[in-house]
Amino acid sequence: MSDDTFKGLVIVVVLGLLALGFGAGVVVEWLTVEHTEIQVLRVEREVKGKGDSVKAKYMVTTENEVFENTDTIAFWKYNSSDVQRELLPGGRYKVKVNGWRWPWASWYRNIIEVEETLSKPTQVDQDLKAKILALVDVEALSDTAFRNEVRKLVKE
């Protein structure tokens, strides 16, 4: 076997393995799709790195689970920022998710789309809750039990 033939064979094998891996990844993403209802407790943007190597992803904390909200080629989803804007703390939503939650690998299920808004808090409710939480976090309030009770009421 000549060197050119061997190099060509290696290239074909490597490209075949890459295509197989990509295809398997897409299939696994499609096989783990689930439709579920969530109540959002908190939304945030997690940022890691500095300068040109900054990576960010959106996180959504619900009453039962933490989800990520990232773009994915498997579902042609490129609107994570728009989805994140839709999800308000206190709101209830029917969502389409995929993936697995593996804590040891820091993997979260991904929110693919918000299918339906079941209930959405008003902006007045959100502003009031933010102001109450800001007051509760003031160090002048020394009664921890009182602070915790107010936090419970605001989060309901």
Protein backbone atom coordinates (compact mmCIF):
# COMPACT_ATOMS: atom_id res chain seq x y z
CA MET A 1 0.00 0.00 0.00
CA SER A 2 1.48 3.35 -0.99
CA ASP A 3 1.73 6.30 1.40
CA ASP A 4 -0.89 8.26 -0.56
CA THR A 5 -3.37 5.38 -0.37
CA PHE A 6 -2.77 4.97 3.37
CA LYS A 7 -3.22 8.71 4.01
CA GLY A 8 -6.42 8.69 1.97
CA LEU A 9 -7.73 5.69 3.90
CA VAL A 10 -6.94 7.36 7.25
CA ILE A 11 -8.72 10.55 6.15
CA VAL A 12 -11.82 8.61 5.04
CA VAL A 13 -11.92 6.64 8.31
CA VAL A 14 -11.52 9.79 10.45
CA LEU A 15 -14.20 11.69 8.50
CA GLY A 16 -16.50 8.67 8.71
CA LEU A 17 -16.06 8.45 12.49
CA LEU A 18 -16.72 12.18 12.87
CA ALA A 19 -19.90 11.93 10.77
CA LEU A 20 -21.02 8.89 12.73
CA GLY A 21 -20.40 10.66 16.04
CA PHE A 22 -22.26 13.78 14.93
CA GLY A 23 -25.18 11.72 13.62
CA ALA A 24 -25.35 9.68 16.83
CA GLY A 25 -25.34 12.89 18.88
CA VAL A 26 -28.29 14.29 16.92
CA VAL A 27 -30.21 11.01 17.25
CA VAL A 28 -29.61 10.93 21.03
CA GLU A 29 -30.83 14.53 21.31
CA TRP A 30 -34.03 13.64 19.45
CA LEU A 31 -34.61 10.48 21.49
CA THR A 32 -34.55 12.37 24.80
CA VAL A 33 -37.25 14.94 23.94
CA GLU A 34 -39.89 15.43 26.61
CA HIS A 35 -42.75 17.89 27.12
CA THR A 36 -43.14 19.10 30.69
CA GLU A 37 -44.59 21.91 32.79
CA ILE A 38 -42.32 24.10 34.89
CA GLN A 39 -42.65 26.98 37.30
CA VAL A 40 -39.66 29.28 37.02
CA LEU A 41 -38.04 30.38 40.25
CA ARG A 42 -34.98 32.12 38.83
CA VAL A 43 -33.32 32.84 35.47
CA GLU A 44 -29.66 33.73 35.14
CA ARG A 45 -26.75 33.99 32.76
CA GLU A 46 -23.71 31.97 33.78
CA VAL A 47 -20.44 33.46 32.46
CA LYS A 48 -17.04 31.74 32.56
CA GLY A 49 -13.65 32.86 31.32
CA LYS A 50 -12.10 36.22 30.46
CA GLY A 51 -11.37 38.25 27.35
CA ASP A 52 -11.75 36.35 24.09
CA SER A 53 -12.41 33.05 25.87
CA VAL A 54 -15.65 34.11 27.57
CA LYS A 55 -18.39 31.49 27.45
CA ALA A 56 -21.92 32.13 28.61
CA LYS A 57 -25.03 30.03 28.95
CA TYR A 58 -28.49 30.67 30.26
CA MET A 59 -29.74 28.76 33.30
CA VAL A 60 -33.35 28.35 34.44
CA THR A 61 -34.09 27.22 38.01
CA THR A 62 -37.51 25.64 38.53
CA GLU A 63 -39.25 24.07 41.50
CA ASN A 64 -37.90 20.59 40.64
CA GLU A 65 -34.86 20.99 38.43
CA VAL A 66 -32.28 23.31 36.90
CA PHE A 67 -32.29 23.55 33.09
CA GLU A 68 -29.96 25.18 30.63
CA ASN A 69 -31.20 27.20 27.69
CA THR A 70 -28.67 26.95 24.87
CA ASP A 71 -28.74 26.97 21.09
CA THR A 72 -28.56 23.56 19.42
CA ILE A 73 -28.11 22.55 15.81
CA ALA A 74 -30.09 19.32 16.32
CA PHE A 75 -33.33 21.33 16.64
CA TRP A 76 -32.27 24.37 14.58
CA LYS A 77 -32.65 26.42 17.76
CA TYR A 78 -30.80 29.72 17.63
CA ASN A 79 -33.05 31.87 19.82
CA SER A 80 -31.87 31.18 23.38
CA SER A 81 -31.86 34.88 24.24
CA ASP A 82 -35.48 35.21 23.14
CA VAL A 83 -36.52 32.11 25.09
CA GLN A 84 -34.73 33.42 28.20
CA ARG A 85 -36.55 36.75 27.92
CA GLU A 86 -39.90 34.91 27.84
CA LEU A 87 -39.25 33.01 31.08
CA LEU A 88 -40.15 35.14 34.09
CA PRO A 89 -39.73 34.11 37.73
CA GLY A 90 -43.09 33.02 39.08
CA GLY A 91 -44.43 32.09 35.64
CA ARG A 92 -45.67 28.62 34.70
CA TYR A 93 -44.83 27.25 31.27
CA LYS A 94 -45.22 24.17 29.12
CA VAL A 95 -41.80 23.51 27.60
CA LYS A 96 -40.09 21.09 25.27
CA VAL A 97 -36.78 19.84 26.71
CA ASN A 98 -34.14 17.31 25.79
CA GLY A 99 -31.05 15.68 27.25
CA TRP A 100 -30.21 14.28 30.66
CA ARG A 101 -29.30 15.73 34.02
CA TRP A 102 -25.95 14.25 35.02
CA PRO A 103 -24.66 16.14 38.07
CA TRP A 104 -21.18 14.59 37.99
CA ALA A 105 -20.66 15.94 34.45
CA SER A 106 -22.54 19.25 35.03
CA TRP A 107 -24.99 18.35 32.27
CA TYR A 108 -28.47 19.86 32.37
CA ARG A 109 -31.52 19.20 30.25
CA ASN A 110 -31.91 21.90 27.60
CA ILE A 111 -35.07 23.92 27.06
CA ILE A 112 -35.75 23.67 23.32
CA GLU A 113 -38.87 25.82 23.20
CA VAL A 114 -41.59 27.38 25.30
CA GLU A 115 -44.72 25.74 23.90
CA GLU A 116 -47.29 27.56 25.99
CA THR A 117 -47.43 30.15 28.75
CA LEU A 118 -49.74 28.78 31.45
CA SER A 119 -49.49 31.81 33.75
CA LYS A 120 -47.22 34.81 33.66
CA PRO A 121 -46.62 37.17 36.56
CA THR A 122 -47.27 40.83 35.87
CA GLN A 123 -44.34 43.24 35.77
CA VAL A 124 -45.79 44.98 38.83
CA ASP A 125 -45.52 41.68 40.74
CA GLN A 126 -41.91 41.26 39.61
CA ASP A 127 -40.94 44.82 40.59
CA LEU A 128 -42.62 44.50 44.00
CA LYS A 129 -40.91 41.18 44.71
CA ALA A 130 -37.53 42.63 43.75
CA LYS A 131 -38.02 45.61 46.08
CA ILE A 132 -39.13 43.40 48.97
CA LEU A 133 -36.15 41.08 48.50
CA ALA A 134 -33.81 44.09 48.38
CA LEU A 135 -35.21 45.29 51.71
CA VAL A 136 -34.98 41.85 53.27
CA ASP A 137 -31.32 41.54 52.34
CA VAL A 138 -30.41 44.79 54.12
CA GLU A 139 -28.06 44.07 57.02
CA ALA A 140 -30.09 46.32 59.32
CA LEU A 141 -32.69 43.56 59.53
CA SER A 142 -31.13 41.38 62.18
CA ASP A 143 -34.05 38.99 62.68
CA THR A 144 -33.15 36.00 60.50
CA ALA A 145 -36.48 34.26 61.09
CA PHE A 146 -38.35 37.36 59.87
CA ARG A 147 -36.12 37.62 56.78
CA ASN A 148 -36.73 33.97 55.96
CA GLU A 149 -40.50 34.28 56.36
CA VAL A 150 -40.60 37.30 54.03
CA ARG A 151 -38.49 35.40 51.47
CA LYS A 152 -40.94 32.49 51.61
CA LEU A 153 -43.91 34.80 51.06
CA VAL A 154 -42.25 36.57 48.14
CA LYS A 155 -41.24 33.34 46.41
CA GLU A 156 -44.76 31.87 46.55
